[in-house]
Protein backbone atom coordinates (compact mmCIF):
# COMPACT_ATOMS: atom_id res chain seq x y z
CA UNK A 1 137.61 8.81 25.02
CA UNK A 2 135.97 12.16 24.20
CA UNK A 3 137.70 13.61 27.09
CA UNK A 4 140.95 12.27 25.88
CA UNK A 5 140.59 13.67 22.39
CA UNK A 6 139.29 17.26 23.36
CA UNK A 7 142.16 18.52 25.35
CA UNK A 8 142.67 22.37 25.50
CA UNK A 9 145.48 23.87 23.52
CA UNK A 10 147.25 24.98 26.52
CA UNK A 11 147.26 21.64 28.17
CA UNK A 12 148.38 19.97 24.88
CA UNK A 13 151.24 22.13 24.47
CA UNK A 14 152.39 21.93 28.16
CA UNK A 15 151.88 25.52 28.92
CA UNK A 16 150.98 27.01 32.23
CA UNK A 17 147.28 27.60 33.05
CA UNK A 18 145.70 30.89 32.22
CA UNK A 19 145.67 31.91 35.80
CA UNK A 20 149.45 32.19 36.00
CA UNK A 21 149.34 34.81 33.03
CA UNK A 22 147.61 37.46 35.16
CA UNK A 23 148.87 40.98 34.80
CA UNK A 24 150.37 41.04 38.22
CA UNK A 25 152.32 37.94 37.65
CA UNK A 26 153.57 39.22 34.32
CA UNK A 27 154.72 42.53 35.95
CA UNK A 28 156.48 40.33 38.64
CA UNK A 29 158.29 38.41 35.96
CA UNK A 30 159.32 41.60 34.02
CA UNK A 31 160.77 43.18 37.14
CA UNK A 32 162.56 39.96 37.92
CA UNK A 33 164.02 39.84 34.43
CA UNK A 34 165.19 43.45 34.72
CA UNK A 35 166.90 42.89 38.10
CA UNK A 36 168.59 39.76 36.51
CA UNK A 37 169.80 41.72 33.57
CA UNK A 38 171.12 44.56 35.85
CA UNK A 39 172.85 42.04 38.10
CA UNK A 40 174.50 40.48 35.00
CA UNK A 41 175.69 43.96 33.73
CA UNK A 42 179.25 44.82 34.73
CA UNK A 43 179.35 47.52 37.55
CA UNK A 44 181.38 49.74 35.40
CA UNK A 45 178.59 49.80 32.77
CA UNK A 46 175.68 50.23 35.26
CA UNK A 47 174.21 53.72 35.48
CA UNK A 48 174.56 54.88 39.16
CA UNK A 49 171.41 56.19 40.83
CA UNK A 50 171.13 59.94 41.13
CA UNK A 51 172.43 61.25 44.45
CA UNK A 52 169.46 63.26 45.65
CA UNK A 53 170.89 63.57 49.08
CA UNK A 54 174.20 65.03 47.83
CA UNK A 55 172.09 67.63 45.87
CA UNK A 56 170.01 68.34 48.91
CA UNK A 57 173.09 68.91 51.04
CA UNK A 58 174.80 71.09 48.40
CA UNK A 59 171.82 73.46 47.91
CA UNK A 60 170.03 73.64 51.29
CA UNK A 61 172.79 74.88 53.48
CA UNK A 62 173.74 77.94 51.24
CA UNK A 63 170.14 78.91 50.80
CA UNK A 64 169.60 78.76 54.53
CA UNK A 65 172.85 80.86 55.15
CA UNK A 66 171.85 83.51 52.62
CA UNK A 67 168.33 83.52 54.06
CA UNK A 68 169.67 84.12 57.39
CA UNK A 69 171.88 86.90 56.14
CA UNK A 70 168.84 88.63 54.49
CA UNK A 71 166.75 88.15 57.69
CA UNK A 72 169.26 89.72 59.94
CA UNK A 73 169.62 92.57 57.36
CA UNK A 74 165.93 93.17 57.47
CA UNK A 75 165.81 93.26 61.13
CA UNK A 76 168.75 95.72 61.27
CA UNK A 77 166.96 97.96 58.76
CA UNK A 78 163.87 98.02 60.86
CA UNK A 79 165.77 98.82 64.12
CA UNK A 80 167.98 101.65 62.66
CA UNK A 81 164.94 103.89 61.74
CA UNK A 82 165.65 103.59 58.01
CA UNK A 83 169.38 104.58 58.12
CA UNK A 84 170.02 101.25 56.63
CA UNK A 85 167.94 100.39 53.55
CA UNK A 86 165.72 97.18 53.55
CA UNK A 87 166.62 94.12 51.43
CA UNK A 88 163.54 94.95 49.19
CA UNK A 89 164.43 98.62 48.68
CA UNK A 90 168.10 97.64 47.93
CA UNK A 91 166.89 95.03 45.43
CA UNK A 92 164.71 97.68 43.54
CA UNK A 93 167.63 99.99 43.31
CA UNK A 94 169.94 97.20 42.00
CA UNK A 95 167.38 96.49 39.20
CA UNK A 96 167.71 100.09 38.37
CA UNK A 97 171.48 100.16 38.22
CA UNK A 98 171.80 96.79 36.25
CA UNK A 99 169.24 97.92 33.73
CA UNK A 100 171.97 100.18 32.28
CA UNK A 101 175.40 99.51 33.87
CA UNK A 102 177.33 100.89 30.86
CA UNK A 103 176.10 104.47 30.63
CA UNK A 104 178.43 107.42 30.41
CA UNK A 105 177.46 111.08 31.29
CA UNK A 106 180.93 112.36 31.77
CA UNK A 107 184.33 111.25 33.17
CA UNK A 108 183.02 111.23 36.82
CA UNK A 109 179.55 109.82 36.03
CA UNK A 110 179.68 106.31 34.47
CA UNK A 111 177.74 103.05 35.00
CA UNK A 112 178.79 100.37 37.46
CA UNK A 113 179.99 98.18 34.63
CA UNK A 114 182.61 100.55 33.56
CA UNK A 115 183.84 100.99 37.03
CA UNK A 116 184.21 97.24 37.56
CA UNK A 117 186.11 96.93 34.10
CA UNK A 118 188.46 99.65 35.20
CA UNK A 119 189.21 98.06 38.52
CA UNK A 120 189.76 94.61 36.90
CA UNK A 121 192.08 96.32 34.24
CA UNK A 122 194.29 97.73 37.18
CA UNK A 123 194.26 94.45 38.92
CA UNK A 124 195.34 92.59 35.63
CA UNK A 125 198.12 95.02 35.13
CA UNK A 126 199.52 95.10 38.68
CA UNK A 127 199.07 91.24 39.03
CA UNK A 128 200.83 90.56 35.58
CA UNK A 129 203.84 92.62 36.60
CA UNK A 130 204.02 90.84 39.94
CA UNK A 131 203.79 87.37 38.23
CA UNK A 132 206.48 88.34 35.78
CA UNK A 133 208.77 89.33 38.57
CA UNK A 134 207.69 87.15 41.54
CA UNK A 135 207.46 83.63 39.85
CA UNK A 136 211.07 83.79 38.43
CA UNK A 137 212.26 85.26 41.70
CA UNK A 138 210.57 82.51 43.57
CA UNK A 139 212.29 79.98 41.31
CA UNK A 140 215.69 81.48 41.96
CA UNK A 141 215.28 81.87 45.85
CA UNK A 142 214.07 78.27 46.07
CA UNK A 143 216.71 76.91 43.86
CA UNK A 144 219.84 78.55 45.34
CA UNK A 145 220.48 78.63 49.06
CA UNK A 146 222.71 81.71 49.03
CA UNK A 147 219.76 83.83 47.46
CA UNK A 148 217.35 82.14 50.00
CA UNK A 149 219.49 83.48 52.79
CA UNK A 150 219.93 86.85 51.20
CA UNK A 151 216.23 87.53 50.60
CA UNK A 152 214.35 85.81 53.22
CA UNK A 153 214.98 88.43 55.85
CA UNK A 154 213.92 91.06 53.35
CA UNK A 155 210.69 89.32 52.49
CA UNK A 156 209.87 88.75 56.18
CA UNK A 157 210.44 92.49 56.82
CA UNK A 158 208.34 93.74 53.96
CA UNK A 159 205.62 91.20 53.70
CA UNK A 160 203.54 92.29 56.81
CA UNK A 161 203.54 96.01 55.75
CA UNK A 162 199.99 97.09 54.77
CA UNK A 163 199.73 97.52 50.97
CA UNK A 164 198.02 100.94 51.46
CA UNK A 165 201.30 102.07 53.17
CA UNK A 166 203.02 101.65 49.63
CA UNK A 167 200.40 103.98 48.07
CA UNK A 168 201.98 107.29 48.96
CA UNK A 169 205.38 105.90 47.59
CA UNK A 170 203.64 105.12 44.36
CA UNK A 171 202.15 108.65 44.17
CA UNK A 172 205.55 110.24 45.04
CA UNK A 173 207.47 108.11 42.25
CA UNK A 174 204.84 107.82 39.44
CA UNK A 175 203.02 111.23 39.84
CA UNK A 176 199.73 109.86 38.92
CA UNK A 177 196.81 107.95 40.41
CA UNK A 178 196.59 104.86 38.04
CA UNK A 179 200.27 104.14 38.24
CA UNK A 180 200.21 104.39 42.04
CA UNK A 181 197.16 102.10 42.24
CA UNK A 182 198.85 99.55 39.87
CA UNK A 183 202.13 99.84 42.01
CA UNK A 184 200.19 99.08 45.06
CA UNK A 185 198.59 96.00 43.49
CA UNK A 186 202.08 94.91 42.24
CA UNK A 187 203.70 95.16 45.67
CA UNK A 188 200.84 93.25 47.58
CA UNK A 189 200.56 90.59 44.87
CA UNK A 190 204.28 89.61 44.62
CA UNK A 191 204.85 88.15 48.03
CA UNK A 192 202.40 85.26 47.85
CA UNK A 193 203.91 84.31 44.49
CA UNK A 194 207.58 84.44 45.68
CA UNK A 195 206.93 82.52 48.77
CA UNK A 196 204.73 79.67 47.56
CA UNK A 197 207.02 79.19 44.47
CA UNK A 198 210.22 79.11 46.41
CA UNK A 199 208.44 76.60 48.80
CA UNK A 200 207.52 74.36 45.92
CA UNK A 201 211.15 74.44 44.50
CA UNK A 202 212.42 73.51 47.94
CA UNK A 203 210.05 70.62 48.37
CA UNK A 204 210.95 68.82 45.11
CA UNK A 205 212.31 65.47 45.94
CA UNK A 206 216.14 65.38 46.07
CA UNK A 207 216.20 62.15 44.06
CA UNK A 208 215.08 64.17 41.12
CA UNK A 209 217.97 66.55 41.44
CA UNK A 210 220.38 63.65 41.91
CA UNK A 211 219.10 62.01 38.64
CA UNK A 212 219.51 65.52 36.87
CA UNK A 213 223.15 65.69 38.13
CA UNK A 214 223.89 62.24 36.92
CA UNK A 215 222.53 62.96 33.56
CA UNK A 216 224.46 66.35 33.49
CA UNK A 217 221.33 68.20 32.54
CA UNK A 218 221.62 71.99 31.94
CA UNK A 219 219.96 74.44 34.38
CA UNK A 220 217.36 75.21 31.66
CA UNK A 221 216.38 71.52 31.35
CA UNK A 222 216.21 71.18 35.18
CA UNK A 223 213.81 74.15 35.48
CA UNK A 224 211.57 73.06 32.50
CA UNK A 225 211.62 69.28 32.81
CA UNK A 226 211.83 68.80 36.58
CA UNK A 227 211.10 72.03 38.76
CA UNK A 228 208.30 73.45 36.81
CA UNK A 229 205.98 70.40 36.64
CA UNK A 230 206.54 69.74 40.32
CA UNK A 231 206.24 73.49 41.49
CA UNK A 232 203.10 74.09 39.28
CA UNK A 233 200.54 73.46 42.04
CA UNK A 234 202.46 75.52 44.65
CA UNK A 235 202.62 78.35 42.09
CA UNK A 236 199.08 78.26 41.29
CA UNK A 237 198.13 78.43 44.93
CA UNK A 238 200.42 81.67 45.25
CA UNK A 239 198.68 83.02 42.22
CA UNK A 240 195.25 82.39 43.70
CA UNK A 241 196.19 84.07 46.94
CA UNK A 242 197.77 87.07 45.13
CA UNK A 243 194.57 87.63 42.98
CA UNK A 244 192.38 87.61 46.14
CA UNK A 245 194.74 90.05 47.87
CA UNK A 246 194.78 92.28 44.83
CA UNK A 247 191.09 92.59 44.43
CA UNK A 248 190.86 93.46 48.18
CA UNK A 249 193.53 96.15 47.97
CA UNK A 250 192.19 97.76 44.66
CA UNK A 251 188.98 98.93 46.33
CA UNK A 252 190.83 100.69 49.14
CA UNK A 253 193.48 102.19 46.83
CA UNK A 254 190.71 103.54 44.45
CA UNK A 255 188.91 105.33 47.39
CA UNK A 256 192.08 107.19 48.08
CA UNK A 257 193.20 107.89 44.54
CA UNK A 258 189.95 108.71 42.85
CA UNK A 259 189.01 108.31 39.13
CA UNK A 260 186.93 105.51 37.65
CA UNK A 261 186.74 102.19 39.54
CA UNK A 262 184.58 100.32 41.93
CA UNK A 263 186.42 101.63 44.95
CA UNK A 264 185.95 105.29 43.73
CA UNK A 265 182.32 104.45 43.12
CA UNK A 266 181.70 103.34 46.64
CA UNK A 267 183.42 106.57 48.07
CA UNK A 268 181.43 108.71 45.64
CA UNK A 269 178.11 107.09 46.77
CA UNK A 270 179.02 107.60 50.35
CA UNK A 271 179.55 111.32 49.59
CA UNK A 272 176.10 111.38 48.07
CA UNK A 273 174.77 109.37 51.12
CA UNK A 274 173.42 106.78 48.82
CA UNK A 275 173.65 103.74 51.13
CA UNK A 276 171.63 101.41 48.76
CA UNK A 277 174.32 101.79 46.07
CA UNK A 278 177.01 101.05 48.74
CA UNK A 279 175.41 97.76 49.75
CA UNK A 280 174.90 96.87 46.02
CA UNK A 281 178.69 97.62 45.53
CA UNK A 282 179.63 95.35 48.36
CA UNK A 283 177.69 92.55 46.96
CA UNK A 284 179.25 93.11 43.54
CA UNK A 285 182.77 93.23 44.98
CA UNK A 286 182.19 89.90 46.80
CA UNK A 287 180.73 88.29 43.72
CA UNK A 288 183.53 89.35 41.38
CA UNK A 289 186.04 88.15 43.91
CA UNK A 290 184.18 84.79 44.32
CA UNK A 291 184.36 84.29 40.48
CA UNK A 292 187.95 85.09 40.28
CA UNK A 293 188.81 82.63 43.02
CA UNK A 294 186.51 79.73 41.66
CA UNK A 295 188.14 80.18 38.19
CA UNK A 296 191.66 79.92 39.70
CA UNK A 297 190.81 76.99 41.78
CA UNK A 298 189.39 75.22 38.78
CA UNK A 299 192.71 75.88 36.93
CA UNK A 300 194.70 74.77 39.94
CA UNK A 301 192.73 71.65 40.15
CA UNK A 302 193.22 70.90 36.47
CA UNK A 303 197.00 70.96 37.04
CA UNK A 304 197.28 69.11 40.26
CA UNK A 305 198.15 65.38 39.76
CA UNK A 306 198.26 64.12 43.26
CA UNK A 307 195.10 62.27 42.89
CA UNK A 308 194.55 59.77 40.08
CA UNK A 309 191.01 58.94 39.15
CA UNK A 310 190.31 55.36 38.37
């Protein structure tokens, strides 16, 4: 009778024995509840695990490639009896140059920053003129077969000509170094924009044009409502190619014309036998070109509608 009366509270309430409430069992129960809750959550609301492998693959190969470049550079600098500066000496010189990139000690002695800005200004002017002429010309050539047959032979003839071959023509016509450099940028930038825009117009589905003909749309509405949205990805590809070509050409053009610019700065440093600054300029030219191309790729991706994200 006594044993029947004095039951423990856990037994009276029907709870599990105290042994089942150990910390390890409690942790297992919590984990199981979390897994059950995660399984019950819709996949669209679940937070995906971080992709460490993707980050590793994105970071490691470029680091190894750049390290390989620096290693080969160091070996070459040792084997050439100091005619090629070492990476450490070049880095120290770069710190000095970028500590004051916008100094001015005269028209022919300016910091690297001013030279880069002047080159970018020439590229922007020449490229802008090429876009103003080349994109409408590409639309017209792609739209009308007569114009296509008229200008295709001329484009095929002039496009392979080296851009620097046009520089003397610019000096002869414009009587100045800056206009000649801008002319060279213009003539080398116009071909990619004309060709890519014309190809984009020619690849517009014929069904679209048939609908426009049935609706009796004006030529302006055909261009703005049908052709332009379809041709935009092709046009932006031409713009990206043109900018890359323009940045390549401006360095060589400035070496020949002189003045202020990254190309002239490289040539001036060669005349002073300052190889460290030439190597620094090579890296600067590559970085600026990479930034320009990356920005245009992002713009082109934003206006490309081939892939629809779910």
